[in-house]
Amino acid sequence: VQLVESGGGLVQAGGSLRLSCAASGSTFSIRSMGWYRQAPGKQRELVADIARLTGITNYADSVKGRFTISRDNAKNTMYLQMNSLKLEDTAVYYCNADLIWGNSWGQGTQVTVSS
């Protein structure tokens, strides 16, 4: 499965961005998809994930109420709507797919929140 992220960029604090992750290849093997992020000098952390069939979601406490994860199975695309962005949301955001036989990662997209 190949994953391609888009939608990152520079935004002021309090602003919004929407990330997209398009999956291709053996998409039938996807069990769930998620967004992770990694800030400079920090470990990669889970932001949110969503089950492909049930749509059940899970969020990191730091983004609850501000970010919304969603998916469009017909388009094999996952989204992350990010509102009320904070300086600490600055990171490279990675798309992840949990597959029947392993994991797949996107190349990452930079999100920079400025004051």
N, C-alpha and C. Protein backbone atom coordinates (compact mmCIF):
# COMPACT_ATOMS: atom_id res chain seq x y z
N VAL A 1 0.85 -1.19 0.00
CA VAL A 1 0.00 0.00 0.00
C VAL A 1 0.89 1.24 0.00
N GLN A 2 0.59 2.15 -0.89
CA GLN A 2 1.33 3.41 -0.95
C GLN A 2 0.45 4.53 -0.39
N LEU A 3 1.07 5.41 0.39
CA LEU A 3 0.35 6.50 1.03
C LEU A 3 0.99 7.83 0.64
N VAL A 4 0.15 8.78 0.25
CA VAL A 4 0.64 10.10 -0.13
C VAL A 4 -0.13 11.16 0.63
N GLU A 5 0.60 11.92 1.45
CA GLU A 5 -0.02 12.99 2.23
C GLU A 5 0.00 14.29 1.44
N SER A 6 -0.93 15.16 1.77
CA SER A 6 -0.95 16.51 1.23
C SER A 6 -1.69 17.42 2.20
N GLY A 7 -1.50 18.72 2.02
CA GLY A 7 -2.26 19.68 2.80
C GLY A 7 -1.50 20.38 3.90
N GLY A 8 -0.24 20.02 4.11
CA GLY A 8 0.53 20.72 5.11
C GLY A 8 0.87 22.13 4.69
N GLY A 9 1.46 22.88 5.61
CA GLY A 9 1.84 24.24 5.27
C GLY A 9 2.07 25.07 6.51
N LEU A 10 2.11 26.38 6.30
CA LEU A 10 2.34 27.34 7.36
C LEU A 10 1.02 28.03 7.69
N VAL A 11 0.71 28.09 8.97
CA VAL A 11 -0.54 28.70 9.41
C VAL A 11 -0.29 29.43 10.72
N GLN A 12 -1.06 30.47 10.95
CA GLN A 12 -0.94 31.20 12.21
C GLN A 12 -1.66 30.45 13.32
N ALA A 13 -1.22 30.66 14.53
CA ALA A 13 -1.88 30.06 15.69
C ALA A 13 -3.35 30.45 15.69
N GLY A 14 -4.19 29.46 15.98
CA GLY A 14 -5.62 29.67 15.94
C GLY A 14 -6.25 29.32 14.61
N GLY A 15 -5.43 29.11 13.60
CA GLY A 15 -5.92 28.81 12.26
C GLY A 15 -6.23 27.34 12.07
N SER A 16 -6.54 27.00 10.83
CA SER A 16 -6.95 25.64 10.49
C SER A 16 -6.19 25.14 9.26
N LEU A 17 -6.03 23.82 9.21
CA LEU A 17 -5.50 23.14 8.04
C LEU A 17 -6.21 21.80 7.92
N ARG A 18 -6.27 21.30 6.70
CA ARG A 18 -6.79 19.95 6.50
C ARG A 18 -5.75 19.12 5.75
N LEU A 19 -5.38 18.02 6.37
CA LEU A 19 -4.46 17.09 5.74
C LEU A 19 -5.24 15.97 5.06
N SER A 20 -4.67 15.48 3.97
CA SER A 20 -5.26 14.34 3.27
C SER A 20 -4.21 13.26 3.10
N CYS A 21 -4.67 12.02 3.08
CA CYS A 21 -3.78 10.89 2.84
C CYS A 21 -4.48 9.95 1.87
N ALA A 22 -3.93 9.84 0.68
CA ALA A 22 -4.51 8.98 -0.35
C ALA A 22 -3.77 7.65 -0.38
N ALA A 23 -4.51 6.57 -0.31
CA ALA A 23 -3.92 5.23 -0.34
C ALA A 23 -4.14 4.60 -1.70
N SER A 24 -3.16 3.84 -2.13
CA SER A 24 -3.28 3.11 -3.39
C SER A 24 -2.60 1.76 -3.24
N GLY A 25 -2.88 0.88 -4.17
CA GLY A 25 -2.32 -0.46 -4.10
C GLY A 25 -3.32 -1.42 -3.48
N SER A 26 -2.84 -2.28 -2.62
CA SER A 26 -3.68 -3.31 -2.00
C SER A 26 -4.49 -2.73 -0.83
N THR A 27 -5.38 -1.83 -1.14
CA THR A 27 -6.12 -1.13 -0.09
C THR A 27 -7.08 -2.03 0.67
N PHE A 28 -7.40 -3.19 0.10
CA PHE A 28 -8.27 -4.13 0.80
C PHE A 28 -7.62 -4.63 2.08
N SER A 29 -6.29 -4.50 2.17
CA SER A 29 -5.55 -5.00 3.33
C SER A 29 -5.53 -4.03 4.50
N ILE A 30 -6.10 -2.85 4.32
CA ILE A 30 -6.06 -1.84 5.38
C ILE A 30 -7.08 -2.14 6.46
N ARG A 31 -6.62 -2.20 7.70
CA ARG A 31 -7.52 -2.41 8.84
C ARG A 31 -7.88 -1.08 9.49
N SER A 32 -6.91 -0.22 9.61
CA SER A 32 -7.15 1.11 10.15
C SER A 32 -6.09 2.05 9.59
N MET A 33 -6.36 3.35 9.73
CA MET A 33 -5.40 4.36 9.30
C MET A 33 -5.26 5.40 10.39
N GLY A 34 -4.13 6.05 10.40
CA GLY A 34 -3.91 7.02 11.45
C GLY A 34 -2.95 8.11 11.03
N TRP A 35 -2.95 9.14 11.83
CA TRP A 35 -2.00 10.25 11.67
C TRP A 35 -1.06 10.24 12.87
N TYR A 36 0.21 10.34 12.58
CA TYR A 36 1.24 10.49 13.59
C TYR A 36 1.97 11.80 13.31
N ARG A 37 2.67 12.29 14.31
CA ARG A 37 3.48 13.48 14.10
C ARG A 37 4.78 13.37 14.87
N GLN A 38 5.77 14.07 14.34
CA GLN A 38 7.08 14.09 14.99
C GLN A 38 7.64 15.49 14.94
N ALA A 39 7.82 16.06 16.11
CA ALA A 39 8.42 17.38 16.24
C ALA A 39 9.93 17.23 16.40
N PRO A 40 10.69 18.26 16.08
CA PRO A 40 12.14 18.17 16.21
C PRO A 40 12.56 17.76 17.62
N GLY A 41 13.41 16.76 17.71
CA GLY A 41 13.92 16.31 18.99
C GLY A 41 12.96 15.48 19.81
N LYS A 42 11.82 15.16 19.24
CA LYS A 42 10.83 14.38 19.98
C LYS A 42 10.51 13.08 19.24
N GLN A 43 9.93 12.16 19.97
CA GLN A 43 9.53 10.89 19.36
C GLN A 43 8.25 11.07 18.55
N ARG A 44 8.09 10.19 17.59
CA ARG A 44 6.86 10.19 16.82
C ARG A 44 5.71 9.76 17.72
N GLU A 45 4.58 10.46 17.61
CA GLU A 45 3.45 10.16 18.47
C GLU A 45 2.16 10.04 17.66
N LEU A 46 1.24 9.25 18.17
CA LEU A 46 -0.05 9.10 17.53
C LEU A 46 -0.88 10.35 17.76
N VAL A 47 -1.48 10.85 16.70
CA VAL A 47 -2.39 11.99 16.79
C VAL A 47 -3.83 11.49 16.83
N ALA A 48 -4.17 10.65 15.87
CA ALA A 48 -5.53 10.11 15.78
C ALA A 48 -5.52 8.92 14.84
N ASP A 49 -6.45 8.00 15.05
CA ASP A 49 -6.61 6.93 14.09
C ASP A 49 -8.09 6.58 13.94
N ILE A 50 -8.38 5.84 12.86
CA ILE A 50 -9.76 5.52 12.53
C ILE A 50 -9.81 4.13 11.91
N ALA A 51 -10.75 3.33 12.39
CA ALA A 51 -10.92 1.99 11.85
C ALA A 51 -11.60 2.07 10.49
N ARG A 52 -11.09 1.28 9.55
CA ARG A 52 -11.57 1.39 8.17
C ARG A 52 -13.03 0.99 8.03
N LEU A 53 -13.44 -0.07 8.70
CA LEU A 53 -14.80 -0.57 8.50
C LEU A 53 -15.80 0.10 9.44
N THR A 54 -15.45 0.23 10.71
CA THR A 54 -16.41 0.75 11.69
C THR A 54 -16.39 2.26 11.79
N GLY A 55 -15.26 2.87 11.43
CA GLY A 55 -15.14 4.31 11.58
C GLY A 55 -14.86 4.76 13.01
N ILE A 56 -14.62 3.81 13.90
CA ILE A 56 -14.31 4.16 15.29
C ILE A 56 -13.01 4.94 15.32
N THR A 57 -13.02 6.05 16.07
CA THR A 57 -11.86 6.94 16.12
C THR A 57 -11.22 6.96 17.50
N ASN A 58 -9.98 7.41 17.49
CA ASN A 58 -9.20 7.52 18.72
C ASN A 58 -8.31 8.74 18.56
N TYR A 59 -8.24 9.55 19.64
CA TYR A 59 -7.46 10.79 19.57
C TYR A 59 -6.48 10.89 20.73
N ALA A 60 -5.37 11.52 20.48
CA ALA A 60 -4.47 11.90 21.56
C ALA A 60 -5.16 12.99 22.38
N ASP A 61 -4.91 12.99 23.68
CA ASP A 61 -5.55 13.98 24.55
C ASP A 61 -5.23 15.41 24.11
N SER A 62 -4.05 15.60 23.57
CA SER A 62 -3.60 16.95 23.22
C SER A 62 -4.38 17.55 22.04
N VAL A 63 -5.09 16.72 21.29
CA VAL A 63 -5.80 17.25 20.11
C VAL A 63 -7.31 17.07 20.21
N LYS A 64 -7.78 16.42 21.25
CA LYS A 64 -9.22 16.20 21.40
C LYS A 64 -9.97 17.52 21.40
N GLY A 65 -11.05 17.57 20.64
CA GLY A 65 -11.85 18.78 20.55
C GLY A 65 -11.36 19.78 19.53
N ARG A 66 -10.16 19.56 18.99
CA ARG A 66 -9.61 20.48 17.99
C ARG A 66 -9.43 19.80 16.63
N PHE A 67 -9.04 18.54 16.64
CA PHE A 67 -8.78 17.80 15.40
C PHE A 67 -9.90 16.79 15.17
N THR A 68 -10.19 16.55 13.90
CA THR A 68 -11.17 15.54 13.53
C THR A 68 -10.61 14.67 12.41
N ILE A 69 -10.59 13.37 12.65
CA ILE A 69 -10.14 12.43 11.64
C ILE A 69 -11.36 11.84 10.95
N SER A 70 -11.24 11.63 9.65
CA SER A 70 -12.34 11.04 8.90
C SER A 70 -11.78 10.25 7.73
N ARG A 71 -12.63 9.45 7.09
CA ARG A 71 -12.15 8.70 5.93
C ARG A 71 -13.26 8.58 4.91
N ASP A 72 -12.86 8.44 3.67
CA ASP A 72 -13.76 8.20 2.56
C ASP A 72 -13.29 6.91 1.91
N ASN A 73 -13.93 5.80 2.25
CA ASN A 73 -13.46 4.51 1.76
C ASN A 73 -13.58 4.39 0.24
N ALA A 74 -14.56 5.06 -0.33
CA ALA A 74 -14.73 4.99 -1.78
C ALA A 74 -13.54 5.63 -2.50
N LYS A 75 -12.93 6.62 -1.87
CA LYS A 75 -11.77 7.30 -2.45
C LYS A 75 -10.46 6.81 -1.86
N ASN A 76 -10.54 5.87 -0.90
CA ASN A 76 -9.33 5.39 -0.21
C ASN A 76 -8.51 6.55 0.34
N THR A 77 -9.19 7.48 0.94
CA THR A 77 -8.55 8.69 1.43
C THR A 77 -8.96 8.95 2.88
N MET A 78 -7.99 9.40 3.65
CA MET A 78 -8.21 9.77 5.04
C MET A 78 -7.89 11.24 5.19
N TYR A 79 -8.58 11.88 6.12
CA TYR A 79 -8.40 13.31 6.33
C TYR A 79 -8.13 13.61 7.80
N LEU A 80 -7.50 14.74 8.03
CA LEU A 80 -7.35 15.25 9.38
C LEU A 80 -7.65 16.74 9.34
N GLN A 81 -8.79 17.12 9.88
CA GLN A 81 -9.15 18.53 9.99
C GLN A 81 -8.57 19.05 11.30
N MET A 82 -7.73 20.05 11.19
CA MET A 82 -7.05 20.59 12.36
C MET A 82 -7.50 22.03 12.57
N ASN A 83 -8.17 22.26 13.66
CA ASN A 83 -8.65 23.61 14.01
C ASN A 83 -7.95 24.10 15.27
N SER A 84 -8.05 25.40 15.50
CA SER A 84 -7.46 26.01 16.70
C SER A 84 -6.02 25.56 16.89
N LEU A 85 -5.26 25.64 15.83
CA LEU A 85 -3.88 25.15 15.88
C LEU A 85 -3.04 25.95 16.85
N LYS A 86 -2.14 25.23 17.52
CA LYS A 86 -1.25 25.81 18.51
C LYS A 86 0.19 25.68 18.03
N LEU A 87 1.06 26.49 18.63
CA LEU A 87 2.48 26.40 18.28
C LEU A 87 3.01 24.98 18.45
N GLU A 88 2.54 24.32 19.48
CA GLU A 88 3.03 22.97 19.77
C GLU A 88 2.53 21.91 18.81
N ASP A 89 1.67 22.28 17.89
CA ASP A 89 1.23 21.34 16.86
C ASP A 89 2.22 21.28 15.69
N THR A 90 3.22 22.15 15.72
CA THR A 90 4.23 22.15 14.67
C THR A 90 4.98 20.82 14.66
N ALA A 91 4.99 20.17 13.51
CA ALA A 91 5.63 18.86 13.38
C ALA A 91 5.52 18.39 11.94
N VAL A 92 6.22 17.31 11.66
CA VAL A 92 5.96 16.58 10.41
C VAL A 92 4.86 15.57 10.71
N TYR A 93 3.83 15.59 9.91
CA TYR A 93 2.70 14.69 10.10
C TYR A 93 2.79 13.54 9.09
N TYR A 94 2.67 12.34 9.63
CA TYR A 94 2.78 11.14 8.82
C TYR A 94 1.47 10.37 8.80
N CYS A 95 1.15 9.87 7.64
CA CYS A 95 0.01 8.99 7.48
C CYS A 95 0.48 7.55 7.67
N ASN A 96 -0.31 6.77 8.36
CA ASN A 96 0.03 5.36 8.61
C ASN A 96 -1.16 4.48 8.28
N ALA A 97 -0.89 3.33 7.71
CA ALA A 97 -1.93 2.34 7.48
C ALA A 97 -1.54 1.06 8.19
N ASP A 98 -2.45 0.57 9.02
CA ASP A 98 -2.25 -0.72 9.67
C ASP A 98 -2.84 -1.78 8.75
N LEU A 99 -1.98 -2.63 8.24
CA LEU A 99 -2.39 -3.61 7.25
C LEU A 99 -2.55 -4.99 7.86
N ILE A 100 -3.18 -5.86 7.12
CA ILE A 100 -3.32 -7.25 7.55
C ILE A 100 -1.95 -7.86 7.80
N TRP A 101 -0.97 -7.48 7.00
CA TRP A 101 0.35 -8.10 7.08
C TRP A 101 1.45 -7.15 7.49
N GLY A 102 1.13 -5.97 8.03
CA GLY A 102 2.19 -5.06 8.45
C GLY A 102 1.72 -3.63 8.52
N ASN A 103 2.66 -2.71 8.22
CA ASN A 103 2.37 -1.29 8.29
C ASN A 103 2.90 -0.61 7.05
N SER A 104 2.29 0.53 6.71
CA SER A 104 2.79 1.36 5.64
C SER A 104 2.77 2.81 6.11
N TRP A 105 3.80 3.57 5.67
CA TRP A 105 3.92 4.97 6.08
C TRP A 105 4.00 5.86 4.84
N GLY A 106 3.45 7.06 4.99
CA GLY A 106 3.64 8.07 3.97
C GLY A 106 4.97 8.78 4.19
N GLN A 107 5.26 9.72 3.31
CA GLN A 107 6.55 10.41 3.36
C GLN A 107 6.54 11.57 4.34
N GLY A 108 5.37 11.98 4.79
CA GLY A 108 5.26 13.06 5.76
C GLY A 108 4.98 14.40 5.11
N THR A 109 4.29 15.25 5.84
CA THR A 109 4.01 16.61 5.38
C THR A 109 4.22 17.56 6.56
N GLN A 110 4.90 18.65 6.29
CA GLN A 110 5.25 19.60 7.35
C GLN A 110 4.08 20.50 7.68
N VAL A 111 3.80 20.63 8.96
CA VAL A 111 2.84 21.60 9.47
C VAL A 111 3.58 22.54 10.40
N THR A 112 3.55 23.81 10.10
CA THR A 112 4.22 24.81 10.92
C THR A 112 3.21 25.84 11.37
N VAL A 113 3.11 26.00 12.68
CA VAL A 113 2.19 26.97 13.26
C VAL A 113 3.02 28.13 13.81
N SER A 114 2.71 29.33 13.36
CA SER A 114 3.47 30.51 13.77
C SER A 114 2.64 31.39 14.69
N SER A 115 3.34 32.19 15.45
CA SER A 115 2.64 33.09 16.40
C SER A 115 2.28 34.40 15.75
